Amino acid sequence: MQPPDSQQSSLTTAPTHEQQAPISQAHSGENTVPMKPMDYVLAAIFGASILIVLLQVVFRYGFNNSLTWSEEVCRYLFAWLVFIGAALALRDKCHITVDLIGWAPRRWQHWAQVLQHVLVLVFLGVVAVLGCRWVFHTAGTHSPVLGLPVNWVFYAALPAGCLLALVYAIRALAADRRRNRVTDDAASEDRVWRG
């Protein structure tokens, strides 16, 4: 098992036997992270889109009468699903990472991680601001079938997802700073005892 402070990428090392939960445990609810409120929101959006597509299939092939609004609503739900899902993947550290400086001294790795967090924060901030401008710029646009304001039901998914991801990125940066501070304090204390 790897030490908790190692920053190995999941792309470079396969999980050890101890890190993998047996199939029976994975499906029984053991070794799982409890769902958070945003997980339920994402599950509800996903469930609603599946239900709407299923209804469309039943109405189209069972009753020969298509629902006119189903494709439009699913498109809007999918946009929210993508951007909220991306924010939750950031929260859970599920985005793909590549460890390029695993060979470097620990201090360099720390500063590279800080730089990574700062770049993610800047990117999310810029996209959130531009997304908000886009939402207000497209005010007055309505969807063709339901007549809904497209800027709020569709375009707002981008800045909302980025703002949610921004909150999670700030939390991740703060948690990494605390973890590194504790590790640095322990290392300096260890040097004092050895010295």
C-alpha atoms as a PDB file:
ATOM      1  CA  MET A   1       0.000   0.000   0.000  1.00  0.00           C
ATOM      2  CA  GLN A   2       1.314   3.467  -0.861  1.00  0.00           C
ATOM      3  CA  PRO A   3       1.914   6.062   1.848  1.00  0.00           C
ATOM      4  CA  PRO A   4      -0.856   8.695   2.021  1.00  0.00           C
ATOM      5  CA  ASP A   5       1.463  11.574   1.086  1.00  0.00           C
ATOM      6  CA  SER A   6       2.604  10.032  -2.184  1.00  0.00           C
ATOM      7  CA  GLN A   7       1.081  11.691  -5.206  1.00  0.00           C
ATOM      8  CA  GLN A   8       1.174   8.728  -7.584  1.00  0.00           C
ATOM      9  CA  SER A   9      -1.201   8.927 -10.497  1.00  0.00           C
ATOM     10  CA  SER A  10      -3.765   6.217 -10.992  1.00  0.00           C
ATOM     11  CA  LEU A  11      -2.556   6.099 -14.594  1.00  0.00           C
ATOM     12  CA  THR A  12       0.942   5.058 -13.573  1.00  0.00           C
ATOM     13  CA  THR A  13       0.188   2.523 -10.850  1.00  0.00           C
ATOM     14  CA  ALA A  14      -2.561  -0.015 -10.522  1.00  0.00           C
ATOM     15  CA  PRO A  15      -4.314  -0.206  -7.152  1.00  0.00           C
ATOM     16  CA  THR A  16      -2.952  -2.840  -4.827  1.00  0.00           C
ATOM     17  CA  HIS A  17      -5.006  -5.733  -3.527  1.00  0.00           C
ATOM     18  CA  GLU A  18      -5.668  -3.858  -0.260  1.00  0.00           C
ATOM     19  CA  GLN A  19      -6.975  -0.803  -2.138  1.00  0.00           C
ATOM     20  CA  GLN A  20      -9.503  -2.757  -4.187  1.00  0.00           C
ATOM     21  CA  ALA A  21     -12.766  -3.648  -2.500  1.00  0.00           C
ATOM     22  CA  PRO A  22     -14.032  -7.127  -3.264  1.00  0.00           C
ATOM     23  CA  ILE A  23     -17.088  -7.234  -5.511  1.00  0.00           C
ATOM     24  CA  SER A  24     -19.296  -8.395  -2.641  1.00  0.00           C
ATOM     25  CA  GLN A  25     -18.262  -5.406  -0.509  1.00  0.00           C
ATOM     26  CA  ALA A  26     -18.625  -2.903  -3.337  1.00  0.00           C
ATOM     27  CA  HIS A  27     -22.224  -3.928  -3.946  1.00  0.00           C
ATOM     28  CA  SER A  28     -23.198  -4.374  -0.311  1.00  0.00           C
ATOM     29  CA  GLY A  29     -22.577  -0.725   0.554  1.00  0.00           C
ATOM     30  CA  GLU A  30     -19.339  -1.253   2.468  1.00  0.00           C
ATOM     31  CA  ASN A  31     -16.327   0.919   1.555  1.00  0.00           C
ATOM     32  CA  THR A  32     -18.528   3.474  -0.185  1.00  0.00           C
ATOM     33  CA  VAL A  33     -18.645   7.220   0.302  1.00  0.00           C
ATOM     34  CA  PRO A  34     -22.032   8.524   1.458  1.00  0.00           C
ATOM     35  CA  MET A  35     -23.880  10.580  -1.112  1.00  0.00           C
ATOM     36  CA  LYS A  36     -23.956  14.343  -0.685  1.00  0.00           C
ATOM     37  CA  PRO A  37     -26.849  16.682  -1.629  1.00  0.00           C
ATOM     38  CA  MET A  38     -25.384  17.562  -5.035  1.00  0.00           C
ATOM     39  CA  ASP A  39     -25.075  13.846  -5.796  1.00  0.00           C
ATOM     40  CA  TYR A  40     -28.834  13.566  -5.336  1.00  0.00           C
ATOM     41  CA  VAL A  41     -29.393  16.555  -7.630  1.00  0.00           C
ATOM     42  CA  LEU A  42     -27.248  14.931 -10.303  1.00  0.00           C
ATOM     43  CA  ALA A  43     -29.024  11.594  -9.870  1.00  0.00           C
ATOM     44  CA  ALA A  44     -32.418  13.331 -10.160  1.00  0.00           C
ATOM     45  CA  ILE A  45     -31.386  15.064 -13.399  1.00  0.00           C
ATOM     46  CA  PHE A  46     -30.084  11.799 -14.816  1.00  0.00           C
ATOM     47  CA  GLY A  47     -33.206   9.919 -13.740  1.00  0.00           C
ATOM     48  CA  ALA A  48     -35.494  12.573 -15.202  1.00  0.00           C
ATOM     49  CA  SER A  49     -33.748  12.460 -18.559  1.00  0.00           C
ATOM     50  CA  ILE A  50     -33.955   8.646 -18.654  1.00  0.00           C
ATOM     51  CA  LEU A  51     -37.655   8.788 -17.762  1.00  0.00           C
ATOM     52  CA  ILE A  52     -38.360  11.382 -20.468  1.00  0.00           C
ATOM     53  CA  VAL A  53     -36.551   9.351 -23.134  1.00  0.00           C
ATOM     54  CA  LEU A  54     -38.420   6.220 -22.034  1.00  0.00           C
ATOM     55  CA  LEU A  55     -41.736   8.093 -22.220  1.00  0.00           C
ATOM     56  CA  GLN A  56     -40.843   9.342 -25.692  1.00  0.00           C
ATOM     57  CA  VAL A  57     -40.147   5.792 -26.879  1.00  0.00           C
ATOM     58  CA  VAL A  58     -43.405   4.493 -25.378  1.00  0.00           C
ATOM     59  CA  PHE A  59     -45.483   7.320 -26.846  1.00  0.00           C
ATOM     60  CA  ARG A  60     -43.811   7.148 -30.248  1.00  0.00           C
ATOM     61  CA  TYR A  61     -43.859   3.388 -30.802  1.00  0.00           C
ATOM     62  CA  GLY A  62     -46.705   2.395 -28.484  1.00  0.00           C
ATOM     63  CA  PHE A  63     -49.235   5.127 -29.243  1.00  0.00           C
ATOM     64  CA  ASN A  64     -47.829   6.475 -32.537  1.00  0.00           C
ATOM     65  CA  ASN A  65     -47.903   9.960 -31.036  1.00  0.00           C
ATOM     66  CA  SER A  66     -44.530  11.579 -30.218  1.00  0.00           C
ATOM     67  CA  LEU A  67     -44.015  13.997 -27.363  1.00  0.00           C
ATOM     68  CA  THR A  68     -43.050  17.322 -28.916  1.00  0.00           C
ATOM     69  CA  TRP A  69     -41.133  18.602 -25.919  1.00  0.00           C
ATOM     70  CA  SER A  70     -39.038  15.561 -24.904  1.00  0.00           C
ATOM     71  CA  GLU A  71     -35.962  16.215 -27.057  1.00  0.00           C
ATOM     72  CA  GLU A  72     -35.779  19.841 -25.974  1.00  0.00           C
ATOM     73  CA  VAL A  73     -36.068  19.077 -22.262  1.00  0.00           C
ATOM     74  CA  CYS A  74     -33.502  16.257 -22.495  1.00  0.00           C
ATOM     75  CA  ARG A  75     -31.062  18.607 -24.210  1.00  0.00           C
ATOM     76  CA  TYR A  76     -31.385  21.119 -21.355  1.00  0.00           C
ATOM     77  CA  LEU A  77     -31.103  18.414 -18.697  1.00  0.00           C
ATOM     78  CA  PHE A  78     -28.012  17.023 -20.399  1.00  0.00           C
ATOM     79  CA  ALA A  79     -26.270  20.420 -20.248  1.00  0.00           C
ATOM     80  CA  TRP A  80     -26.923  20.616 -16.499  1.00  0.00           C
ATOM     81  CA  LEU A  81     -25.870  16.988 -16.072  1.00  0.00           C
ATOM     82  CA  VAL A  82     -22.520  17.634 -17.770  1.00  0.00           C
ATOM     83  CA  PHE A  83     -21.561  20.785 -15.883  1.00  0.00           C
ATOM     84  CA  ILE A  84     -22.749  19.664 -12.443  1.00  0.00           C
ATOM     85  CA  GLY A  85     -21.142  16.274 -13.063  1.00  0.00           C
ATOM     86  CA  ALA A  86     -17.841  17.925 -13.993  1.00  0.00           C
ATOM     87  CA  ALA A  87     -17.937  19.941 -10.760  1.00  0.00           C
ATOM     88  CA  LEU A  88     -18.648  16.821  -8.710  1.00  0.00           C
ATOM     89  CA  ALA A  89     -15.831  14.979 -10.483  1.00  0.00           C
ATOM     90  CA  LEU A  90     -13.529  17.825  -9.423  1.00  0.00           C
ATOM     91  CA  ARG A  91     -14.798  17.497  -5.844  1.00  0.00           C
ATOM     92  CA  ASP A  92     -14.144  13.756  -5.822  1.00  0.00           C
ATOM     93  CA  LYS A  93     -10.817  14.084  -7.691  1.00  0.00           C
ATOM     94  CA  CYS A  94     -12.077  11.887 -10.532  1.00  0.00           C
ATOM     95  CA  HIS A  95     -10.702  13.907 -13.442  1.00  0.00           C
ATOM     96  CA  ILE A  96      -7.772  12.372 -15.282  1.00  0.00           C
ATOM     97  CA  THR A  97      -4.394  13.406 -13.905  1.00  0.00           C
ATOM     98  CA  VAL A  98      -0.907  12.741 -15.173  1.00  0.00           C
ATOM     99  CA  ASP A  99       1.989  12.784 -12.730  1.00  0.00           C
ATOM    100  CA  LEU A 100       4.893  14.397 -14.586  1.00  0.00           C
ATOM    101  CA  ILE A 101       7.045  15.328 -11.615  1.00  0.00           C
ATOM    102  CA  GLY A 102       6.785  12.305  -9.343  1.00  0.00           C
ATOM    103  CA  TRP A 103      10.575  12.083  -9.494  1.00  0.00           C
ATOM    104  CA  ALA A 104      11.037  15.639  -8.181  1.00  0.00           C
ATOM    105  CA  PRO A 105      11.725  16.585  -4.556  1.00  0.00           C
ATOM    106  CA  ARG A 106       8.661  16.844  -2.356  1.00  0.00           C
ATOM    107  CA  ARG A 107       8.848  20.630  -2.186  1.00  0.00           C
ATOM    108  CA  TRP A 108       8.688  20.939  -5.991  1.00  0.00           C
ATOM    109  CA  GLN A 109       5.733  18.595  -6.058  1.00  0.00           C
ATOM    110  CA  HIS A 110       4.014  20.769  -3.461  1.00  0.00           C
ATOM    111  CA  TRP A 111       4.506  23.957  -5.488  1.00  0.00           C
ATOM    112  CA  ALA A 112       3.442  22.208  -8.701  1.00  0.00           C
ATOM    113  CA  GLN A 113       0.258  21.170  -6.930  1.00  0.00           C
ATOM    114  CA  VAL A 114      -0.346  24.743  -5.753  1.00  0.00           C
ATOM    115  CA  LEU A 115       0.219  25.978  -9.320  1.00  0.00           C
ATOM    116  CA  GLN A 116      -2.238  23.384 -10.595  1.00  0.00           C
ATOM    117  CA  HIS A 117      -4.892  24.588  -8.124  1.00  0.00           C
ATOM    118  CA  VAL A 118      -4.292  28.225  -9.048  1.00  0.00           C
ATOM    119  CA  LEU A 119      -4.582  27.488 -12.784  1.00  0.00           C
ATOM    120  CA  VAL A 120      -7.824  25.568 -12.229  1.00  0.00           C
ATOM    121  CA  LEU A 121      -9.198  28.436 -10.116  1.00  0.00           C
ATOM    122  CA  VAL A 122      -8.269  31.023 -12.758  1.00  0.00           C
ATOM    123  CA  PHE A 123      -9.775  28.928 -15.560  1.00  0.00           C
ATOM    124  CA  LEU A 124     -13.023  28.322 -13.665  1.00  0.00           C
ATOM    125  CA  GLY A 125     -13.259  31.982 -12.653  1.00  0.00           C
ATOM    126  CA  VAL A 126     -12.784  33.221 -16.216  1.00  0.00           C
ATOM    127  CA  VAL A 127     -15.277  30.721 -17.664  1.00  0.00           C
ATOM    128  CA  ALA A 128     -17.812  31.532 -14.917  1.00  0.00           C
ATOM    129  CA  VAL A 129     -17.569  35.267 -15.608  1.00  0.00           C
ATOM    130  CA  LEU A 130     -17.789  34.809 -19.378  1.00  0.00           C
ATOM    131  CA  GLY A 131     -20.657  32.350 -18.896  1.00  0.00           C
ATOM    132  CA  CYS A 132     -22.567  34.872 -16.777  1.00  0.00           C
ATOM    133  CA  ARG A 133     -22.043  37.513 -19.453  1.00  0.00           C
ATOM    134  CA  TRP A 134     -23.323  35.042 -22.042  1.00  0.00           C
ATOM    135  CA  VAL A 135     -26.434  34.291 -19.947  1.00  0.00           C
ATOM    136  CA  PHE A 136     -27.302  37.982 -19.663  1.00  0.00           C
ATOM    137  CA  HIS A 137     -26.398  38.679 -23.298  1.00  0.00           C
ATOM    138  CA  THR A 138     -28.848  36.009 -24.525  1.00  0.00           C
ATOM    139  CA  ALA A 139     -31.749  37.261 -22.388  1.00  0.00           C
ATOM    140  CA  GLY A 140     -35.020  37.262 -24.289  1.00  0.00           C
ATOM    141  CA  THR A 141     -34.238  34.089 -26.239  1.00  0.00           C
ATOM    142  CA  HIS A 142     -36.921  31.438 -25.817  1.00  0.00           C
ATOM    143  CA  SER A 143     -36.969  27.751 -26.636  1.00  0.00           C
ATOM    144  CA  PRO A 144     -38.911  26.857 -29.794  1.00  0.00           C
ATOM    145  CA  VAL A 145     -41.314  24.279 -28.334  1.00  0.00           C
ATOM    146  CA  LEU A 146     -41.921  25.174 -24.691  1.00  0.00           C
ATOM    147  CA  GLY A 147     -41.105  28.881 -24.885  1.00  0.00           C
ATOM    148  CA  LEU A 148     -38.753  28.702 -21.888  1.00  0.00           C
ATOM    149  CA  PRO A 149     -36.035  31.337 -21.433  1.00  0.00           C
ATOM    150  CA  VAL A 150     -33.043  29.540 -22.965  1.00  0.00           C
ATOM    151  CA  ASN A 151     -30.528  31.696 -21.142  1.00  0.00           C
ATOM    152  CA  TRP A 152     -31.708  30.319 -17.766  1.00  0.00           C
ATOM    153  CA  VAL A 153     -32.669  26.724 -18.579  1.00  0.00           C
ATOM    154  CA  PHE A 154     -29.751  25.969 -20.920  1.00  0.00           C
ATOM    155  CA  TYR A 155     -26.954  28.543 -21.013  1.00  0.00           C
ATOM    156  CA  ALA A 156     -26.905  29.070 -17.226  1.00  0.00           C
ATOM    157  CA  ALA A 157     -25.621  25.516 -16.768  1.00  0.00           C
ATOM    158  CA  LEU A 158     -22.123  26.652 -17.787  1.00  0.00           C
ATOM    159  CA  PRO A 159     -21.569  29.405 -15.184  1.00  0.00           C
ATOM    160  CA  ALA A 160     -23.479  27.472 -12.503  1.00  0.00           C
ATOM    161  CA  GLY A 161     -21.302  24.407 -13.004  1.00  0.00           C
ATOM    162  CA  CYS A 162     -18.145  26.537 -13.032  1.00  0.00           C
ATOM    163  CA  LEU A 163     -19.146  28.355  -9.839  1.00  0.00           C
ATOM    164  CA  LEU A 164     -19.864  25.039  -8.131  1.00  0.00           C
ATOM    165  CA  ALA A 165     -16.523  23.683  -9.345  1.00  0.00           C
ATOM    166  CA  LEU A 166     -14.862  26.888  -8.117  1.00  0.00           C
ATOM    167  CA  VAL A 167     -16.189  26.228  -4.607  1.00  0.00           C
ATOM    168  CA  TYR A 168     -14.871  22.657  -4.719  1.00  0.00           C
ATOM    169  CA  ALA A 169     -11.503  23.816  -6.118  1.00  0.00           C
ATOM    170  CA  ILE A 170     -11.110  26.343  -3.295  1.00  0.00           C
ATOM    171  CA  ARG A 171     -11.909  23.622  -0.770  1.00  0.00           C
ATOM    172  CA  ALA A 172      -9.361  21.293  -2.403  1.00  0.00           C
ATOM    173  CA  LEU A 173      -6.675  23.993  -2.311  1.00  0.00           C
ATOM    174  CA  ALA A 174      -7.383  24.721   1.371  1.00  0.00           C
ATOM    175  CA  ALA A 175      -7.340  20.997   2.236  1.00  0.00           C
ATOM    176  CA  ASP A 176      -4.044  20.460   0.405  1.00  0.00           C
ATOM    177  CA  ARG A 177      -2.506  23.476   2.147  1.00  0.00           C
ATOM    178  CA  ARG A 178      -3.601  22.125   5.551  1.00  0.00           C
ATOM    179  CA  ARG A 179      -2.331  18.635   4.716  1.00  0.00           C
ATOM    180  CA  ASN A 180       1.044  19.972   3.539  1.00  0.00           C
ATOM    181  CA  ARG A 181       1.364  22.212   6.591  1.00  0.00           C
ATOM    182  CA  VAL A 182       0.753  19.253   8.907  1.00  0.00           C
ATOM    183  CA  THR A 183       3.219  17.100   6.953  1.00  0.00           C
ATOM    184  CA  ASP A 184       5.846  19.883   7.013  1.00  0.00           C
ATOM    185  CA  ASP A 185       5.333  20.353  10.769  1.00  0.00           C
ATOM    186  CA  ALA A 186       5.746  16.619  11.353  1.00  0.00           C
ATOM    187  CA  ALA A 187       8.892  16.537   9.203  1.00  0.00           C
ATOM    188  CA  SER A 188      10.465  19.479  11.055  1.00  0.00           C
ATOM    189  CA  GLU A 189       9.533  17.911  14.399  1.00  0.00           C
ATOM    190  CA  ASP A 190      11.154  14.677  13.262  1.00  0.00           C
ATOM    191  CA  ARG A 191      14.346  16.569  12.334  1.00  0.00           C
ATOM    192  CA  VAL A 192      14.410  18.174  15.797  1.00  0.00           C
ATOM    193  CA  TRP A 193      14.157  14.794  17.503  1.00  0.00           C
ATOM    194  CA  ARG A 194      16.814  13.249  15.266  1.00  0.00           C
ATOM    195  CA  GLY A 195      19.103  16.292  15.379  1.00  0.00           C
END
